[in-house]
């Protein structure tokens, strides 16, 4: 099974110039933990609830998304297999990935998306185990 078969195609996004407080409110309303950051139709970063807490709230500053977003993008393509996506998640200890085709965001795939309809339960289980391991810096 390929990523395009399980990914979400209707993806909420934000812009680098948006205020973090507005993005945090959007994430709360949508009950999600991250948003892709889009500029000129290209994915330029990801902002997560953790980015907001560690880079903005903890520093008590009024920030814009570009000030706190994660700029290194880990992604998959729609034609990657779901098994490959779970390996990428495990290797990078992330639970969700943007799906990029020809440089543009076309979807989003989460660990939960990979768990259904259960053909790769072992890969998803392995990914979750790796994601949940503490990192040693």
C-alpha atoms as a PDB file:
ATOM      1  CA  UNK A   1       0.000   0.000   0.000  1.00  0.00           C
ATOM      2  CA  UNK A   2       1.250   3.503  -0.808  1.00  0.00           C
ATOM      3  CA  UNK A   3       1.137   6.701   1.217  1.00  0.00           C
ATOM      4  CA  UNK A   4      -1.336   8.236  -1.272  1.00  0.00           C
ATOM      5  CA  UNK A   5      -3.836   5.531  -0.296  1.00  0.00           C
ATOM      6  CA  UNK A   6      -3.942   6.536   3.377  1.00  0.00           C
ATOM      7  CA  UNK A   7      -2.847  10.205   3.567  1.00  0.00           C
ATOM      8  CA  UNK A   8      -5.088  13.133   4.434  1.00  0.00           C
ATOM      9  CA  UNK A   9      -5.468  15.440   1.450  1.00  0.00           C
ATOM     10  CA  UNK A  10      -7.262  18.323   3.159  1.00  0.00           C
ATOM     11  CA  UNK A  11      -4.402  19.820   5.169  1.00  0.00           C
ATOM     12  CA  UNK A  12      -4.570  22.945   7.305  1.00  0.00           C
ATOM     13  CA  UNK A  13      -1.467  25.120   6.919  1.00  0.00           C
ATOM     14  CA  UNK A  14      -0.007  28.356   8.189  1.00  0.00           C
ATOM     15  CA  UNK A  15       2.369  31.056   6.912  1.00  0.00           C
ATOM     16  CA  UNK A  16       5.789  32.050   8.309  1.00  0.00           C
ATOM     17  CA  UNK A  17       4.489  35.544   9.147  1.00  0.00           C
ATOM     18  CA  UNK A  18       1.534  34.271  11.201  1.00  0.00           C
ATOM     19  CA  UNK A  19       1.704  34.903  14.933  1.00  0.00           C
ATOM     20  CA  UNK A  20       2.414  31.850  17.042  1.00  0.00           C
ATOM     21  CA  UNK A  21      -0.526  32.637  19.322  1.00  0.00           C
ATOM     22  CA  UNK A  22      -2.915  32.535  16.343  1.00  0.00           C
ATOM     23  CA  UNK A  23      -1.406  29.278  15.094  1.00  0.00           C
ATOM     24  CA  UNK A  24      -1.635  27.758  18.580  1.00  0.00           C
ATOM     25  CA  UNK A  25      -5.312  28.713  18.687  1.00  0.00           C
ATOM     26  CA  UNK A  26      -5.841  27.151  15.245  1.00  0.00           C
ATOM     27  CA  UNK A  27      -4.118  23.953  16.393  1.00  0.00           C
ATOM     28  CA  UNK A  28      -6.291  23.875  19.531  1.00  0.00           C
ATOM     29  CA  UNK A  29      -9.470  24.395  17.515  1.00  0.00           C
ATOM     30  CA  UNK A  30      -8.540  21.663  15.033  1.00  0.00           C
ATOM     31  CA  UNK A  31      -7.218  19.395  17.821  1.00  0.00           C
ATOM     32  CA  UNK A  32      -3.917  18.824  16.025  1.00  0.00           C
ATOM     33  CA  UNK A  33      -0.291  18.911  17.140  1.00  0.00           C
ATOM     34  CA  UNK A  34       1.415  20.439  14.128  1.00  0.00           C
ATOM     35  CA  UNK A  35       0.928  22.491  10.987  1.00  0.00           C
ATOM     36  CA  UNK A  36       2.919  22.653   7.766  1.00  0.00           C
ATOM     37  CA  UNK A  37       4.317  26.143   7.094  1.00  0.00           C
ATOM     38  CA  UNK A  38       3.751  27.234   3.490  1.00  0.00           C
ATOM     39  CA  UNK A  39       5.303  30.182   1.678  1.00  0.00           C
ATOM     40  CA  UNK A  40       4.744  30.822  -2.028  1.00  0.00           C
ATOM     41  CA  UNK A  41       3.075  27.385  -2.346  1.00  0.00           C
ATOM     42  CA  UNK A  42       6.181  25.607  -0.988  1.00  0.00           C
ATOM     43  CA  UNK A  43       6.633  23.804   2.297  1.00  0.00           C
ATOM     44  CA  UNK A  44       9.252  25.760   4.240  1.00  0.00           C
ATOM     45  CA  UNK A  45       8.889  24.210   7.678  1.00  0.00           C
ATOM     46  CA  UNK A  46       6.699  22.600  10.279  1.00  0.00           C
ATOM     47  CA  UNK A  47       5.439  24.088  13.514  1.00  0.00           C
ATOM     48  CA  UNK A  48       4.551  21.723  16.320  1.00  0.00           C
ATOM     49  CA  UNK A  49       2.995  22.173  19.712  1.00  0.00           C
ATOM     50  CA  UNK A  50       6.433  21.356  21.104  1.00  0.00           C
ATOM     51  CA  UNK A  51       8.057  24.121  19.013  1.00  0.00           C
ATOM     52  CA  UNK A  52       5.548  26.575  20.440  1.00  0.00           C
ATOM     53  CA  UNK A  53       6.169  25.536  24.020  1.00  0.00           C
ATOM     54  CA  UNK A  54       9.963  25.275  23.895  1.00  0.00           C
ATOM     55  CA  UNK A  55      10.776  28.174  21.574  1.00  0.00           C
ATOM     56  CA  UNK A  56       8.047  30.701  22.334  1.00  0.00           C
ATOM     57  CA  UNK A  57       6.037  30.153  25.501  1.00  0.00           C
ATOM     58  CA  UNK A  58       9.024  29.046  27.585  1.00  0.00           C
ATOM     59  CA  UNK A  59      10.906  32.166  26.483  1.00  0.00           C
ATOM     60  CA  UNK A  60       7.884  34.396  27.101  1.00  0.00           C
ATOM     61  CA  UNK A  61       8.125  36.159  23.746  1.00  0.00           C
ATOM     62  CA  UNK A  62       5.548  37.149  21.152  1.00  0.00           C
ATOM     63  CA  UNK A  63       6.843  35.284  18.122  1.00  0.00           C
ATOM     64  CA  UNK A  64       5.994  34.688  14.527  1.00  0.00           C
ATOM     65  CA  UNK A  65       5.878  31.182  13.110  1.00  0.00           C
ATOM     66  CA  UNK A  66       9.176  31.656  11.247  1.00  0.00           C
ATOM     67  CA  UNK A  67      10.895  32.347  14.588  1.00  0.00           C
ATOM     68  CA  UNK A  68       9.957  29.024  16.157  1.00  0.00           C
ATOM     69  CA  UNK A  69       9.186  26.581  13.324  1.00  0.00           C
ATOM     70  CA  UNK A  70      11.314  23.569  12.537  1.00  0.00           C
ATOM     71  CA  UNK A  71      13.019  24.326   9.232  1.00  0.00           C
ATOM     72  CA  UNK A  72      14.435  20.897   8.465  1.00  0.00           C
ATOM     73  CA  UNK A  73      11.643  19.067   6.693  1.00  0.00           C
ATOM     74  CA  UNK A  74      11.282  15.310   6.830  1.00  0.00           C
ATOM     75  CA  UNK A  75       8.764  14.140   4.255  1.00  0.00           C
ATOM     76  CA  UNK A  76       7.598  11.302   2.039  1.00  0.00           C
ATOM     77  CA  UNK A  77       6.149  11.163  -1.452  1.00  0.00           C
ATOM     78  CA  UNK A  78       2.683   9.860  -2.344  1.00  0.00           C
ATOM     79  CA  UNK A  79       4.249   6.873  -4.098  1.00  0.00           C
ATOM     80  CA  UNK A  80       6.348   5.781  -1.108  1.00  0.00           C
ATOM     81  CA  UNK A  81       5.037   2.658   0.551  1.00  0.00           C
ATOM     82  CA  UNK A  82       3.375   2.869   3.940  1.00  0.00           C
ATOM     83  CA  UNK A  83       6.139   0.602   5.229  1.00  0.00           C
ATOM     84  CA  UNK A  84       8.736   3.140   4.029  1.00  0.00           C
ATOM     85  CA  UNK A  85       6.794   5.952   5.703  1.00  0.00           C
ATOM     86  CA  UNK A  86       6.746   4.067   9.010  1.00  0.00           C
ATOM     87  CA  UNK A  87      10.517   3.556   8.762  1.00  0.00           C
ATOM     88  CA  UNK A  88      11.031   7.299   8.150  1.00  0.00           C
ATOM     89  CA  UNK A  89       8.839   8.076  11.178  1.00  0.00           C
ATOM     90  CA  UNK A  90      10.757   5.640  13.368  1.00  0.00           C
ATOM     91  CA  UNK A  91      14.167   6.832  12.212  1.00  0.00           C
ATOM     92  CA  UNK A  92      13.279  10.472  12.882  1.00  0.00           C
ATOM     93  CA  UNK A  93      11.049   9.909  15.933  1.00  0.00           C
ATOM     94  CA  UNK A  94       8.049  11.711  14.443  1.00  0.00           C
ATOM     95  CA  UNK A  95       4.376  10.735  14.342  1.00  0.00           C
ATOM     96  CA  UNK A  96       3.359  12.639  11.214  1.00  0.00           C
ATOM     97  CA  UNK A  97       4.892  13.531   7.871  1.00  0.00           C
ATOM     98  CA  UNK A  98       4.071  15.969   5.097  1.00  0.00           C
ATOM     99  CA  UNK A  99       3.571  14.308   1.720  1.00  0.00           C
ATOM    100  CA  UNK A 100       5.431  16.215  -1.009  1.00  0.00           C
ATOM    101  CA  UNK A 101       5.112  15.840  -4.783  1.00  0.00           C
ATOM    102  CA  UNK A 102       7.157  18.004  -7.148  1.00  0.00           C
ATOM    103  CA  UNK A 103       8.036  20.336  -4.283  1.00  0.00           C
ATOM    104  CA  UNK A 104       4.419  20.930  -3.231  1.00  0.00           C
ATOM    105  CA  UNK A 105       2.462  19.750  -0.227  1.00  0.00           C
ATOM    106  CA  UNK A 106      -0.195  17.282  -1.413  1.00  0.00           C
ATOM    107  CA  UNK A 107      -1.119  15.620   1.852  1.00  0.00           C
ATOM    108  CA  UNK A 108      -0.206  14.580   5.342  1.00  0.00           C
ATOM    109  CA  UNK A 109       0.252  11.108   6.780  1.00  0.00           C
ATOM    110  CA  UNK A 110       0.177  10.209  10.460  1.00  0.00           C
ATOM    111  CA  UNK A 111       1.060   7.115  12.391  1.00  0.00           C
ATOM    112  CA  UNK A 112      -2.672   6.538  12.888  1.00  0.00           C
ATOM    113  CA  UNK A 113      -3.187   6.634   9.094  1.00  0.00           C
ATOM    114  CA  UNK A 114      -0.621   3.862   8.737  1.00  0.00           C
ATOM    115  CA  UNK A 115      -2.357   1.724  11.343  1.00  0.00           C
ATOM    116  CA  UNK A 116      -5.498   1.354   9.223  1.00  0.00           C
ATOM    117  CA  UNK A 117      -6.539  -0.914   7.548  1.00  0.00           C
ATOM    118  CA  UNK A 118      -3.930  -2.962   9.433  1.00  0.00           C
ATOM    119  CA  UNK A 119      -1.803  -4.480   6.651  1.00  0.00           C
ATOM    120  CA  UNK A 120       1.428  -3.236   8.213  1.00  0.00           C
ATOM    121  CA  UNK A 121       0.744  -3.641  11.917  1.00  0.00           C
ATOM    122  CA  UNK A 122       4.295  -4.793  12.619  1.00  0.00           C
ATOM    123  CA  UNK A 123       5.861  -1.797  10.827  1.00  0.00           C
ATOM    124  CA  UNK A 124       3.581   0.628  12.674  1.00  0.00           C
ATOM    125  CA  UNK A 125       4.341  -1.086  15.963  1.00  0.00           C
ATOM    126  CA  UNK A 126       8.078  -0.855  15.278  1.00  0.00           C
ATOM    127  CA  UNK A 127       7.750   2.826  14.319  1.00  0.00           C
ATOM    128  CA  UNK A 128       5.831   3.644  17.498  1.00  0.00           C
ATOM    129  CA  UNK A 129       8.393   1.845  19.611  1.00  0.00           C
ATOM    130  CA  UNK A 130      11.253   3.800  17.994  1.00  0.00           C
ATOM    131  CA  UNK A 131       9.389   7.106  18.190  1.00  0.00           C
ATOM    132  CA  UNK A 132       8.715   6.606  21.867  1.00  0.00           C
ATOM    133  CA  UNK A 133      12.344   5.859  22.781  1.00  0.00           C
ATOM    134  CA  UNK A 134      14.032   8.715  24.620  1.00  0.00           C
ATOM    135  CA  UNK A 135      16.652  10.571  22.600  1.00  0.00           C
ATOM    136  CA  UNK A 136      20.122  10.868  24.022  1.00  0.00           C
ATOM    137  CA  UNK A 137      21.840  14.133  23.199  1.00  0.00           C
END
